[in-house]
């Protein structure tokens, strides 16, 4: 789906903006709210990645109102037809009514979506009377399941404030069977839940993956784009020695995540957790080599600073124990440079 490609691309370009390195003591992650954790039993047990977005908390901030409400995540279009389906059917949109989104995706492409908010069921029933794209059926337990034929999206109301959705009927069946006390799905994956609890920011936005091939894909794309931007390759695959470095990196990584917190500005964290401190140090050394080339290229430029140079000034790298963090500060003064540098793109 389009959302998957969007998330992978933004992670790759954010990696490409790393230029500064420093040491720091281990910060304390924000606690994982019980209200969020309680919905994990509706998501897949072994996902390729998990995404959480709290629209209700973000759209109250000055940064959202000034920089995002009419640009990045410009309503439902950024996420393809997924959120637009629910805006059309229930009146719940990012700006009004839709509070939270949970999204998990398996390696085989199966997806699970949980939406929290204020939904107008009566509008949906009325809308279905005039729009043939919507139909409904009954599950074995009597639950009403809706289908949007345009995007083959199944969905149902778990309760008055919760919608569960998927493009796959078998995932819907699993979600219908979940009870409030069920220890199923992602909630039963202790290793993944522990990794989520280590994410630094949890209030507004986070995404995490422990899937090795997913992580490897990020590194392959990152390395190739970085070498091309520095004129070190003509677009061909990296040399064998570089491939070995990639394999060493992703095989030593326990998880990769990004998280954001908004207020007057936005702090964006990319967090790489490794299997041991030695692996984190290896990753730091790998980045240091790229950093050195980037700094050298920057000092040789003439004229005004490029968007990438200015992004450099708003980015830092911290390392402690088994974790490496890439921290970016985006504010009203530098957001245009982030957009010009392809770090934040306006939706098409």
C-alpha atoms as a PDB file:
ATOM      1  CA  UNK A   1       0.000   0.000   0.000  1.00  0.00           C
ATOM      2  CA  UNK A   2       0.962   3.655  -0.489  1.00  0.00           C
ATOM      3  CA  UNK A   3       1.287   4.197   3.250  1.00  0.00           C
ATOM      4  CA  UNK A   4       3.997   1.512   3.441  1.00  0.00           C
ATOM      5  CA  UNK A   5       6.082   3.127   0.695  1.00  0.00           C
ATOM      6  CA  UNK A   6       5.639   6.577   2.275  1.00  0.00           C
ATOM      7  CA  UNK A   7       6.888   5.382   5.654  1.00  0.00           C
ATOM      8  CA  UNK A   8       9.875   3.551   4.207  1.00  0.00           C
ATOM      9  CA  UNK A   9      10.864   6.565   2.086  1.00  0.00           C
ATOM     10  CA  UNK A  10      10.653   9.083   4.905  1.00  0.00           C
ATOM     11  CA  UNK A  11      12.787   6.809   7.111  1.00  0.00           C
ATOM     12  CA  UNK A  12      15.414   6.497   4.388  1.00  0.00           C
ATOM     13  CA  UNK A  13      15.706  10.231   3.747  1.00  0.00           C
ATOM     14  CA  UNK A  14      15.845  10.964   7.442  1.00  0.00           C
ATOM     15  CA  UNK A  15      18.790   8.584   7.768  1.00  0.00           C
ATOM     16  CA  UNK A  16      20.488  10.489   4.966  1.00  0.00           C
ATOM     17  CA  UNK A  17      20.465  13.681   7.042  1.00  0.00           C
ATOM     18  CA  UNK A  18      22.808  12.403   9.789  1.00  0.00           C
ATOM     19  CA  UNK A  19      25.910  14.554  10.172  1.00  0.00           C
ATOM     20  CA  UNK A  20      26.741  15.233  13.849  1.00  0.00           C
ATOM     21  CA  UNK A  21      27.935  12.889  16.571  1.00  0.00           C
ATOM     22  CA  UNK A  22      27.984  13.227  20.338  1.00  0.00           C
ATOM     23  CA  UNK A  23      27.747  11.101  23.468  1.00  0.00           C
ATOM     24  CA  UNK A  24      24.915  11.155  25.944  1.00  0.00           C
ATOM     25  CA  UNK A  25      23.663   9.308  28.979  1.00  0.00           C
ATOM     26  CA  UNK A  26      20.720   7.004  28.540  1.00  0.00           C
ATOM     27  CA  UNK A  27      17.498   9.104  28.477  1.00  0.00           C
ATOM     28  CA  UNK A  28      14.323   7.731  30.029  1.00  0.00           C
ATOM     29  CA  UNK A  29      11.689   6.823  27.410  1.00  0.00           C
ATOM     30  CA  UNK A  30       8.191   8.167  27.848  1.00  0.00           C
ATOM     31  CA  UNK A  31       5.908   5.525  29.419  1.00  0.00           C
ATOM     32  CA  UNK A  32       3.663   3.513  27.132  1.00  0.00           C
ATOM     33  CA  UNK A  33       0.072   4.509  28.015  1.00  0.00           C
ATOM     34  CA  UNK A  34      -2.077   1.584  29.125  1.00  0.00           C
ATOM     35  CA  UNK A  35      -4.852   2.892  26.877  1.00  0.00           C
ATOM     36  CA  UNK A  36      -2.540   2.429  23.882  1.00  0.00           C
ATOM     37  CA  UNK A  37      -1.165  -0.941  24.956  1.00  0.00           C
ATOM     38  CA  UNK A  38      -4.695  -2.270  25.477  1.00  0.00           C
ATOM     39  CA  UNK A  39      -5.303  -2.095  21.709  1.00  0.00           C
ATOM     40  CA  UNK A  40      -2.263  -4.216  20.813  1.00  0.00           C
ATOM     41  CA  UNK A  41      -4.336  -7.415  21.013  1.00  0.00           C
ATOM     42  CA  UNK A  42      -6.107  -6.277  17.826  1.00  0.00           C
ATOM     43  CA  UNK A  43      -2.875  -6.029  15.796  1.00  0.00           C
ATOM     44  CA  UNK A  44      -0.818  -8.832  14.280  1.00  0.00           C
ATOM     45  CA  UNK A  45       1.479 -10.854  16.526  1.00  0.00           C
ATOM     46  CA  UNK A  46       4.519 -10.742  14.232  1.00  0.00           C
ATOM     47  CA  UNK A  47       4.257  -7.561  12.156  1.00  0.00           C
ATOM     48  CA  UNK A  48       6.771  -6.215   9.693  1.00  0.00           C
ATOM     49  CA  UNK A  49       6.237  -2.839  11.325  1.00  0.00           C
ATOM     50  CA  UNK A  50       3.856  -1.110  13.738  1.00  0.00           C
ATOM     51  CA  UNK A  51       2.729   2.506  13.413  1.00  0.00           C
ATOM     52  CA  UNK A  52       0.913   4.673  15.978  1.00  0.00           C
ATOM     53  CA  UNK A  53      -0.371   8.208  15.338  1.00  0.00           C
ATOM     54  CA  UNK A  54      -2.236  10.365  17.870  1.00  0.00           C
ATOM     55  CA  UNK A  55      -3.936  13.038  15.778  1.00  0.00           C
ATOM     56  CA  UNK A  56      -5.859  14.424  18.745  1.00  0.00           C
ATOM     57  CA  UNK A  57      -2.690  15.326  20.660  1.00  0.00           C
ATOM     58  CA  UNK A  58      -0.787  16.637  17.623  1.00  0.00           C
ATOM     59  CA  UNK A  59      -3.438  18.877  16.124  1.00  0.00           C
ATOM     60  CA  UNK A  60      -3.600  20.886  19.358  1.00  0.00           C
ATOM     61  CA  UNK A  61       0.041  21.971  19.036  1.00  0.00           C
ATOM     62  CA  UNK A  62       1.311  25.207  17.532  1.00  0.00           C
ATOM     63  CA  UNK A  63       3.651  23.302  15.202  1.00  0.00           C
ATOM     64  CA  UNK A  64       0.782  21.282  13.715  1.00  0.00           C
ATOM     65  CA  UNK A  65      -1.432  24.329  13.235  1.00  0.00           C
ATOM     66  CA  UNK A  66       1.313  26.402  11.619  1.00  0.00           C
ATOM     67  CA  UNK A  67       3.144  23.800   9.533  1.00  0.00           C
ATOM     68  CA  UNK A  68       1.261  20.530   9.119  1.00  0.00           C
ATOM     69  CA  UNK A  69      -2.500  21.004   9.015  1.00  0.00           C
ATOM     70  CA  UNK A  70      -2.351  22.289   5.427  1.00  0.00           C
ATOM     71  CA  UNK A  71       0.847  20.642   4.163  1.00  0.00           C
ATOM     72  CA  UNK A  72       2.454  17.438   5.485  1.00  0.00           C
ATOM     73  CA  UNK A  73      -0.256  14.836   6.106  1.00  0.00           C
ATOM     74  CA  UNK A  74      -2.648  17.133   4.264  1.00  0.00           C
ATOM     75  CA  UNK A  75      -5.718  15.344   5.502  1.00  0.00           C
ATOM     76  CA  UNK A  76      -6.331  11.846   4.228  1.00  0.00           C
ATOM     77  CA  UNK A  77      -4.538  12.033   0.861  1.00  0.00           C
ATOM     78  CA  UNK A  78      -1.111  11.218   2.287  1.00  0.00           C
ATOM     79  CA  UNK A  79      -2.432   7.820   3.369  1.00  0.00           C
ATOM     80  CA  UNK A  80      -4.140   7.020   0.097  1.00  0.00           C
ATOM     81  CA  UNK A  81      -7.791   6.025   0.320  1.00  0.00           C
ATOM     82  CA  UNK A  82      -7.657   4.503   3.813  1.00  0.00           C
ATOM     83  CA  UNK A  83      -8.554   7.518   5.939  1.00  0.00           C
ATOM     84  CA  UNK A  84     -10.612   9.141   3.213  1.00  0.00           C
ATOM     85  CA  UNK A  85     -12.899   6.103   3.331  1.00  0.00           C
ATOM     86  CA  UNK A  86     -13.740   6.769   6.965  1.00  0.00           C
ATOM     87  CA  UNK A  87     -14.032  10.520   6.471  1.00  0.00           C
ATOM     88  CA  UNK A  88     -16.602   9.899   3.727  1.00  0.00           C
ATOM     89  CA  UNK A  89     -18.474   7.224   5.629  1.00  0.00           C
ATOM     90  CA  UNK A  90     -18.440   8.475   9.236  1.00  0.00           C
ATOM     91  CA  UNK A  91     -17.461  12.184   9.196  1.00  0.00           C
ATOM     92  CA  UNK A  92     -14.307  11.410  11.211  1.00  0.00           C
ATOM     93  CA  UNK A  93     -11.224  13.143   9.801  1.00  0.00           C
ATOM     94  CA  UNK A  94      -7.693  13.908  10.963  1.00  0.00           C
ATOM     95  CA  UNK A  95      -8.705  17.437  11.886  1.00  0.00           C
ATOM     96  CA  UNK A  96     -11.982  16.542  13.582  1.00  0.00           C
ATOM     97  CA  UNK A  97     -13.189  13.286  15.105  1.00  0.00           C
ATOM     98  CA  UNK A  98     -10.308  10.905  14.394  1.00  0.00           C
ATOM     99  CA  UNK A  99      -8.197  10.632  17.549  1.00  0.00           C
ATOM    100  CA  UNK A 100      -5.782   7.721  17.049  1.00  0.00           C
ATOM    101  CA  UNK A 101      -4.566   5.351  14.353  1.00  0.00           C
ATOM    102  CA  UNK A 102      -2.846   1.989  14.859  1.00  0.00           C
ATOM    103  CA  UNK A 103      -1.418   0.209  11.823  1.00  0.00           C
ATOM    104  CA  UNK A 104       0.485  -3.058  11.509  1.00  0.00           C
ATOM    105  CA  UNK A 105       1.627  -4.802   8.365  1.00  0.00           C
ATOM    106  CA  UNK A 106       2.929  -8.329   7.853  1.00  0.00           C
ATOM    107  CA  UNK A 107       5.764  -9.345   5.532  1.00  0.00           C
ATOM    108  CA  UNK A 108       3.151 -10.982   3.261  1.00  0.00           C
ATOM    109  CA  UNK A 109       1.241  -7.693   2.983  1.00  0.00           C
ATOM    110  CA  UNK A 110      -1.645  -8.372   5.347  1.00  0.00           C
ATOM    111  CA  UNK A 111      -2.600  -5.241   7.275  1.00  0.00           C
ATOM    112  CA  UNK A 112      -4.502  -4.491  10.469  1.00  0.00           C
ATOM    113  CA  UNK A 113      -5.885  -1.031  11.229  1.00  0.00           C
ATOM    114  CA  UNK A 114      -7.458   0.275  14.426  1.00  0.00           C
ATOM    115  CA  UNK A 115      -9.047   3.730  14.534  1.00  0.00           C
ATOM    116  CA  UNK A 116     -10.204   5.554  17.657  1.00  0.00           C
ATOM    117  CA  UNK A 117     -12.526   8.531  17.513  1.00  0.00           C
ATOM    118  CA  UNK A 118     -16.063   9.841  17.192  1.00  0.00           C
ATOM    119  CA  UNK A 119     -17.837   8.055  14.347  1.00  0.00           C
ATOM    120  CA  UNK A 120     -21.265   8.787  12.895  1.00  0.00           C
ATOM    121  CA  UNK A 121     -22.841   5.368  12.317  1.00  0.00           C
ATOM    122  CA  UNK A 122     -26.078   6.886  11.083  1.00  0.00           C
ATOM    123  CA  UNK A 123     -24.249   8.703   8.295  1.00  0.00           C
ATOM    124  CA  UNK A 124     -22.684   5.426   7.191  1.00  0.00           C
ATOM    125  CA  UNK A 125     -26.050   3.686   6.975  1.00  0.00           C
ATOM    126  CA  UNK A 126     -27.542   6.619   5.070  1.00  0.00           C
ATOM    127  CA  UNK A 127     -24.527   6.842   2.771  1.00  0.00           C
ATOM    128  CA  UNK A 128     -24.771   3.149   1.918  1.00  0.00           C
ATOM    129  CA  UNK A 129     -28.291   3.669   0.597  1.00  0.00           C
ATOM    130  CA  UNK A 130     -26.971   5.858  -2.237  1.00  0.00           C
ATOM    131  CA  UNK A 131     -23.414   4.592  -2.776  1.00  0.00           C
ATOM    132  CA  UNK A 132     -23.048   1.152  -4.319  1.00  0.00           C
ATOM    133  CA  UNK A 133     -19.334   1.048  -3.446  1.00  0.00           C
ATOM    134  CA  UNK A 134     -20.309   0.174   0.135  1.00  0.00           C
ATOM    135  CA  UNK A 135     -21.884  -3.120   1.097  1.00  0.00           C
ATOM    136  CA  UNK A 136     -22.261  -5.104   4.302  1.00  0.00           C
ATOM    137  CA  UNK A 137     -22.515  -8.652   5.541  1.00  0.00           C
ATOM    138  CA  UNK A 138     -22.707 -10.512   8.831  1.00  0.00           C
ATOM    139  CA  UNK A 139     -19.860 -12.383  10.522  1.00  0.00           C
ATOM    140  CA  UNK A 140     -20.537 -15.731  12.208  1.00  0.00           C
ATOM    141  CA  UNK A 141     -21.131 -14.032  15.566  1.00  0.00           C
ATOM    142  CA  UNK A 142     -23.537 -11.506  14.053  1.00  0.00           C
ATOM    143  CA  UNK A 143     -21.079  -8.607  13.785  1.00  0.00           C
ATOM    144  CA  UNK A 144     -21.855  -6.304  10.844  1.00  0.00           C
ATOM    145  CA  UNK A 145     -18.856  -6.100   8.492  1.00  0.00           C
ATOM    146  CA  UNK A 146     -18.717  -3.342   5.865  1.00  0.00           C
ATOM    147  CA  UNK A 147     -16.826  -3.454   2.574  1.00  0.00           C
ATOM    148  CA  UNK A 148     -15.665  -0.590   0.379  1.00  0.00           C
ATOM    149  CA  UNK A 149     -15.300  -2.190  -3.044  1.00  0.00           C
ATOM    150  CA  UNK A 150     -13.110   0.662  -4.353  1.00  0.00           C
ATOM    151  CA  UNK A 151     -10.163  -0.342  -2.178  1.00  0.00           C
ATOM    152  CA  UNK A 152     -11.349  -3.760  -0.953  1.00  0.00           C
ATOM    153  CA  UNK A 153     -11.304  -2.501   2.629  1.00  0.00           C
ATOM    154  CA  UNK A 154     -13.268  -4.484   5.216  1.00  0.00           C
ATOM    155  CA  UNK A 155     -14.166  -2.790   8.485  1.00  0.00           C
ATOM    156  CA  UNK A 156     -16.433  -3.103  11.515  1.00  0.00           C
ATOM    157  CA  UNK A 157     -17.248  -1.250  14.727  1.00  0.00           C
ATOM    158  CA  UNK A 158     -15.554  -2.946  17.668  1.00  0.00           C
ATOM    159  CA  UNK A 159     -17.411  -0.508  19.900  1.00  0.00           C
ATOM    160  CA  UNK A 160     -18.810   3.009  19.570  1.00  0.00           C
ATOM    161  CA  UNK A 161     -15.353   4.634  19.481  1.00  0.00           C
ATOM    162  CA  UNK A 162     -13.312   1.898  17.745  1.00  0.00           C
ATOM    163  CA  UNK A 163     -13.207   0.810  14.103  1.00  0.00           C
ATOM    164  CA  UNK A 164     -11.144  -2.199  13.015  1.00  0.00           C
ATOM    165  CA  UNK A 165     -10.186  -2.542   9.352  1.00  0.00           C
ATOM    166  CA  UNK A 166      -8.126  -4.643   6.949  1.00  0.00           C
ATOM    167  CA  UNK A 167      -7.898  -5.562   3.293  1.00  0.00           C
ATOM    168  CA  UNK A 168      -7.987  -9.222   4.359  1.00  0.00           C
ATOM    169  CA  UNK A 169     -11.048 -11.094   5.583  1.00  0.00           C
ATOM    170  CA  UNK A 170      -9.011 -13.494   7.751  1.00  0.00           C
ATOM    171  CA  UNK A 171      -7.529 -10.543   9.683  1.00  0.00           C
ATOM    172  CA  UNK A 172     -11.031  -9.153  10.233  1.00  0.00           C
ATOM    173  CA  UNK A 173     -12.145 -12.541  11.586  1.00  0.00           C
ATOM    174  CA  UNK A 174      -9.253 -12.538  14.049  1.00  0.00           C
ATOM    175  CA  UNK A 175     -10.049  -8.992  15.203  1.00  0.00           C
ATOM    176  CA  UNK A 176     -13.731  -9.816  15.720  1.00  0.00           C
ATOM    177  CA  UNK A 177     -12.760 -12.718  17.991  1.00  0.00           C
ATOM    178  CA  UNK A 178     -10.644 -10.500  20.278  1.00  0.00           C
ATOM    179  CA  UNK A 179     -12.100  -9.708  23.708  1.00  0.00           C
ATOM    180  CA  UNK A 180     -11.012  -6.912  26.057  1.00  0.00           C
ATOM    181  CA  UNK A 181      -9.093  -9.403  28.202  1.00  0.00           C
ATOM    182  CA  UNK A 182      -7.561 -11.358  25.306  1.00  0.00           C
ATOM    183  CA  UNK A 183      -3.788 -11.774  25.364  1.00  0.00           C
ATOM    184  CA  UNK A 184      -3.563 -12.109  21.602  1.00  0.00           C
ATOM    185  CA  UNK A 185      -1.892 -10.500  18.600  1.00  0.00           C
ATOM    186  CA  UNK A 186       0.859  -7.980  19.233  1.00  0.00           C
ATOM    187  CA  UNK A 187       0.091  -7.957  22.960  1.00  0.00           C
ATOM    188  CA  UNK A 188       1.333 -11.563  23.191  1.00  0.00           C
ATOM    189  CA  UNK A 189       4.639 -10.673  21.469  1.00  0.00           C
ATOM    190  CA  UNK A 190       6.642  -9.739  24.581  1.00  0.00           C
ATOM    191  CA  UNK A 191       9.823  -8.978  22.634  1.00  0.00           C
ATOM    192  CA  UNK A 192       8.091  -6.462  20.353  1.00  0.00           C
ATOM    193  CA  UNK A 193       6.174  -4.848  23.214  1.00  0.00           C
ATOM    194  CA  UNK A 194       9.452  -4.400  25.115  1.00  0.00           C
ATOM    195  CA  UNK A 195      10.990  -2.783  22.017  1.00  0.00           C
ATOM    196  CA  UNK A 196       8.018  -0.398  21.773  1.00  0.00           C
ATOM    197  CA  UNK A 197       8.451   0.529  25.432  1.00  0.00           C
ATOM    198  CA  UNK A 198      12.049   1.586  24.659  1.00  0.00           C
ATOM    199  CA  UNK A 199      10.907   4.130  22.026  1.00  0.00           C
ATOM    200  CA  UNK A 200      11.759   7.582  23.337  1.00  0.00           C
ATOM    201  CA  UNK A 201       8.650   9.584  22.319  1.00  0.00           C
ATOM    202  CA  UNK A 202       5.255   7.893  22.451  1.00  0.00           C
ATOM    203  CA  UNK A 203       2.664  10.652  22.769  1.00  0.00           C
ATOM    204  CA  UNK A 204       2.302  11.867  19.161  1.00  0.00           C
ATOM    205  CA  UNK A 205       3.813   9.553  16.586  1.00  0.00           C
ATOM    206  CA  UNK A 206       5.985   6.439  16.456  1.00  0.00           C
ATOM    207  CA  UNK A 207       6.823   3.545  14.179  1.00  0.00           C
ATOM    208  CA  UNK A 208       8.969   0.470  14.837  1.00  0.00           C
ATOM    209  CA  UNK A 209      10.233  -2.616  13.040  1.00  0.00           C
ATOM    210  CA  UNK A 210      12.202  -5.665  14.148  1.00  0.00           C
ATOM    211  CA  UNK A 211      11.941  -7.346  10.753  1.00  0.00           C
ATOM    212  CA  UNK A 212      15.445  -8.013   9.444  1.00  0.00           C
ATOM    213  CA  UNK A 213      14.643  -7.717   5.738  1.00  0.00           C
ATOM    214  CA  UNK A 214      12.711  -4.487   6.318  1.00  0.00           C
ATOM    215  CA  UNK A 215      15.697  -3.017   8.167  1.00  0.00           C
ATOM    216  CA  UNK A 216      18.081  -4.247   5.474  1.00  0.00           C
ATOM    217  CA  UNK A 217      15.982  -2.524   2.800  1.00  0.00           C
ATOM    218  CA  UNK A 218      16.327   0.770   4.665  1.00  0.00           C
ATOM    219  CA  UNK A 219      20.102   0.435   4.772  1.00  0.00           C
ATOM    220  CA  UNK A 220      20.457  -0.575   1.122  1.00  0.00           C
ATOM    221  CA  UNK A 221      18.400   2.411  -0.041  1.00  0.00           C
ATOM    222  CA  UNK A 222      20.086   4.776   2.392  1.00  0.00           C
ATOM    223  CA  UNK A 223      23.604   3.790   1.407  1.00  0.00           C
ATOM    224  CA  UNK A 224      22.933   3.898  -2.312  1.00  0.00           C
ATOM    225  CA  UNK A 225      21.242   7.318  -2.178  1.00  0.00           C
ATOM    226  CA  UNK A 226      23.988   8.686   0.051  1.00  0.00           C
ATOM    227  CA  UNK A 227      26.802   7.546  -2.239  1.00  0.00           C
ATOM    228  CA  UNK A 228      25.022   8.929  -5.296  1.00  0.00           C
ATOM    229  CA  UNK A 229      24.410  12.306  -3.606  1.00  0.00           C
ATOM    230  CA  UNK A 230      28.133  12.565  -2.896  1.00  0.00           C
ATOM    231  CA  UNK A 231      29.120  11.569  -6.424  1.00  0.00           C
ATOM    232  CA  UNK A 232      30.792   8.365  -5.264  1.00  0.00           C
ATOM    233  CA  UNK A 233      28.849   6.059  -7.545  1.00  0.00           C
ATOM    234  CA  UNK A 234      27.219   6.246 -10.968  1.00  0.00           C
ATOM    235  CA  UNK A 235      24.064   4.484  -9.812  1.00  0.00           C
ATOM    236  CA  UNK A 236      25.489   0.971  -9.902  1.00  0.00           C
ATOM    237  CA  UNK A 237      25.393  -1.341  -6.907  1.00  0.00           C
ATOM    238  CA  UNK A 238      27.986  -0.684  -4.171  1.00  0.00           C
ATOM    239  CA  UNK A 239      31.173  -2.694  -4.103  1.00  0.00           C
ATOM    240  CA  UNK A 240      31.246  -6.077  -2.341  1.00  0.00           C
ATOM    241  CA  UNK A 241      32.987  -4.594   0.687  1.00  0.00           C
ATOM    242  CA  UNK A 242      30.080  -2.182   1.157  1.00  0.00           C
ATOM    243  CA  UNK A 243      27.556  -5.006   0.906  1.00  0.00           C
ATOM    244  CA  UNK A 244      29.371  -6.788   3.703  1.00  0.00           C
ATOM    245  CA  UNK A 245      29.077  -3.657   5.848  1.00  0.00           C
ATOM    246  CA  UNK A 246      25.333  -3.557   5.232  1.00  0.00           C
ATOM    247  CA  UNK A 247      24.954  -7.198   6.212  1.00  0.00           C
ATOM    248  CA  UNK A 248      26.970  -6.605   9.365  1.00  0.00           C
ATOM    249  CA  UNK A 249      24.834  -3.597  10.265  1.00  0.00           C
ATOM    250  CA  UNK A 250      21.337  -4.935   9.840  1.00  0.00           C
ATOM    251  CA  UNK A 251      22.127  -8.355  11.295  1.00  0.00           C
ATOM    252  CA  UNK A 252      23.321  -6.709  14.497  1.00  0.00           C
ATOM    253  CA  UNK A 253      20.279  -4.464  14.876  1.00  0.00           C
ATOM    254  CA  UNK A 254      17.499  -5.532  17.248  1.00  0.00           C
ATOM    255  CA  UNK A 255      14.999  -2.894  16.117  1.00  0.00           C
ATOM    256  CA  UNK A 256      14.690   0.424  14.363  1.00  0.00           C
ATOM    257  CA  UNK A 257      12.103   3.069  15.210  1.00  0.00           C
ATOM    258  CA  UNK A 258      11.234   6.690  14.722  1.00  0.00           C
ATOM    259  CA  UNK A 259       9.190   8.928  16.955  1.00  0.00           C
ATOM    260  CA  UNK A 260       8.139  12.563  16.978  1.00  0.00           C
ATOM    261  CA  UNK A 261       6.948  15.022  19.573  1.00  0.00           C
ATOM    262  CA  UNK A 262       5.347  18.344  18.731  1.00  0.00           C
ATOM    263  CA  UNK A 263       4.881  21.561  20.648  1.00  0.00           C
ATOM    264  CA  UNK A 264       6.064  24.878  19.240  1.00  0.00           C
ATOM    265  CA  UNK A 265       8.511  22.844  17.142  1.00  0.00           C
ATOM    266  CA  UNK A 266       8.971  19.140  16.366  1.00  0.00           C
ATOM    267  CA  UNK A 267      11.658  16.831  17.706  1.00  0.00           C
ATOM    268  CA  UNK A 268      12.112  13.800  15.468  1.00  0.00           C
ATOM    269  CA  UNK A 269      14.051  10.772  16.747  1.00  0.00           C
ATOM    270  CA  UNK A 270      15.376   7.852  14.722  1.00  0.00           C
ATOM    271  CA  UNK A 271      16.389   5.151  17.181  1.00  0.00           C
ATOM    272  CA  UNK A 272      18.501   2.090  16.366  1.00  0.00           C
ATOM    273  CA  UNK A 273      18.679  -0.550  19.091  1.00  0.00           C
ATOM    274  CA  UNK A 274      21.407  -3.186  18.786  1.00  0.00           C
ATOM    275  CA  UNK A 275      22.060  -6.614  20.258  1.00  0.00           C
ATOM    276  CA  UNK A 276      25.055  -5.351  22.274  1.00  0.00           C
ATOM    277  CA  UNK A 277      27.126  -2.183  22.878  1.00  0.00           C
ATOM    278  CA  UNK A 278      29.835  -3.362  20.442  1.00  0.00           C
ATOM    279  CA  UNK A 279      27.304  -3.422  17.602  1.00  0.00           C
ATOM    280  CA  UNK A 280      26.122   0.085  18.453  1.00  0.00           C
ATOM    281  CA  UNK A 281      29.743   1.251  18.365  1.00  0.00           C
ATOM    282  CA  UNK A 282      30.171  -0.468  14.989  1.00  0.00           C
ATOM    283  CA  UNK A 283      27.173   1.450  13.672  1.00  0.00           C
ATOM    284  CA  UNK A 284      28.572   4.702  15.043  1.00  0.00           C
ATOM    285  CA  UNK A 285      31.858   4.078  13.243  1.00  0.00           C
ATOM    286  CA  UNK A 286      29.987   3.300  10.028  1.00  0.00           C
ATOM    287  CA  UNK A 287      28.087   6.582  10.249  1.00  0.00           C
ATOM    288  CA  UNK A 288      31.256   8.463  11.162  1.00  0.00           C
ATOM    289  CA  UNK A 289      32.775   7.464   7.822  1.00  0.00           C
ATOM    290  CA  UNK A 290      29.788   8.849   5.934  1.00  0.00           C
ATOM    291  CA  UNK A 291      29.769  11.933   8.149  1.00  0.00           C
ATOM    292  CA  UNK A 292      33.403  12.663   7.354  1.00  0.00           C
ATOM    293  CA  UNK A 293      32.749  12.570   3.609  1.00  0.00           C
ATOM    294  CA  UNK A 294      29.652  14.749   4.024  1.00  0.00           C
ATOM    295  CA  UNK A 295      31.523  17.361   6.050  1.00  0.00           C
ATOM    296  CA  UNK A 296      34.347  17.430   3.525  1.00  0.00           C
ATOM    297  CA  UNK A 297      31.906  17.925   0.666  1.00  0.00           C
ATOM    298  CA  UNK A 298      30.172  20.731   2.576  1.00  0.00           C
ATOM    299  CA  UNK A 299      33.384  22.693   3.218  1.00  0.00           C
ATOM    300  CA  UNK A 300      34.260  22.586  -0.492  1.00  0.00           C
ATOM    301  CA  UNK A 301      31.019  24.238  -1.573  1.00  0.00           C
ATOM    302  CA  UNK A 302      30.935  27.860  -2.682  1.00  0.00           C
ATOM    303  CA  UNK A 303      28.204  30.424  -2.044  1.00  0.00           C
ATOM    304  CA  UNK A 304      25.238  30.070   0.262  1.00  0.00           C
ATOM    305  CA  UNK A 305      24.508  26.972   2.294  1.00  0.00           C
ATOM    306  CA  UNK A 306      22.325  24.364   0.638  1.00  0.00           C
ATOM    307  CA  UNK A 307      19.205  22.916   2.306  1.00  0.00           C
ATOM    308  CA  UNK A 308      21.247  19.836   3.236  1.00  0.00           C
ATOM    309  CA  UNK A 309      23.867  22.015   4.924  1.00  0.00           C
ATOM    310  CA  UNK A 310      21.190  23.745   6.986  1.00  0.00           C
ATOM    311  CA  UNK A 311      19.574  20.433   7.907  1.00  0.00           C
ATOM    312  CA  UNK A 312      23.001  19.431   9.197  1.00  0.00           C
ATOM    313  CA  UNK A 313      22.850  22.254  11.728  1.00  0.00           C
ATOM    314  CA  UNK A 314      19.531  20.972  13.134  1.00  0.00           C
ATOM    315  CA  UNK A 315      20.637  17.351  13.469  1.00  0.00           C
ATOM    316  CA  UNK A 316      22.704  15.499  16.032  1.00  0.00           C
ATOM    317  CA  UNK A 317      23.671  11.916  16.763  1.00  0.00           C
ATOM    318  CA  UNK A 318      23.777  10.452  20.268  1.00  0.00           C
ATOM    319  CA  UNK A 319      25.030   7.039  21.357  1.00  0.00           C
ATOM    320  CA  UNK A 320      24.699   5.235  24.653  1.00  0.00           C
ATOM    321  CA  UNK A 321      24.979   1.580  25.587  1.00  0.00           C
ATOM    322  CA  UNK A 322      23.154  -0.414  22.859  1.00  0.00           C
ATOM    323  CA  UNK A 323      21.256   2.484  21.281  1.00  0.00           C
ATOM    324  CA  UNK A 324      22.110   5.083  18.636  1.00  0.00           C
ATOM    325  CA  UNK A 325      19.745   8.049  18.251  1.00  0.00           C
ATOM    326  CA  UNK A 326      19.503  10.476  15.366  1.00  0.00           C
ATOM    327  CA  UNK A 327      17.759  13.633  16.588  1.00  0.00           C
ATOM    328  CA  UNK A 328      16.348  16.333  14.342  1.00  0.00           C
ATOM    329  CA  UNK A 329      14.724  19.583  15.415  1.00  0.00           C
ATOM    330  CA  UNK A 330      12.244  21.022  12.923  1.00  0.00           C
ATOM    331  CA  UNK A 331      10.823  24.496  13.565  1.00  0.00           C
ATOM    332  CA  UNK A 332       9.184  27.372  11.708  1.00  0.00           C
ATOM    333  CA  UNK A 333      12.612  28.792  10.920  1.00  0.00           C
ATOM    334  CA  UNK A 334      14.024  25.733   9.187  1.00  0.00           C
ATOM    335  CA  UNK A 335      11.016  23.748   7.961  1.00  0.00           C
ATOM    336  CA  UNK A 336      11.373  25.109   4.421  1.00  0.00           C
ATOM    337  CA  UNK A 337      14.947  23.806   4.314  1.00  0.00           C
ATOM    338  CA  UNK A 338      13.729  20.365   5.381  1.00  0.00           C
ATOM    339  CA  UNK A 339      11.164  20.453   2.591  1.00  0.00           C
ATOM    340  CA  UNK A 340      13.733  21.582   0.007  1.00  0.00           C
ATOM    341  CA  UNK A 341      16.049  18.819   1.185  1.00  0.00           C
ATOM    342  CA  UNK A 342      13.284  16.234   0.644  1.00  0.00           C
ATOM    343  CA  UNK A 343      13.096  15.469   4.365  1.00  0.00           C
ATOM    344  CA  UNK A 344       9.499  16.684   4.570  1.00  0.00           C
ATOM    345  CA  UNK A 345       7.496  16.558   1.370  1.00  0.00           C
ATOM    346  CA  UNK A 346       4.182  18.195   0.601  1.00  0.00           C
ATOM    347  CA  UNK A 347       1.583  15.616  -0.427  1.00  0.00           C
ATOM    348  CA  UNK A 348       0.858  15.255  -4.134  1.00  0.00           C
END
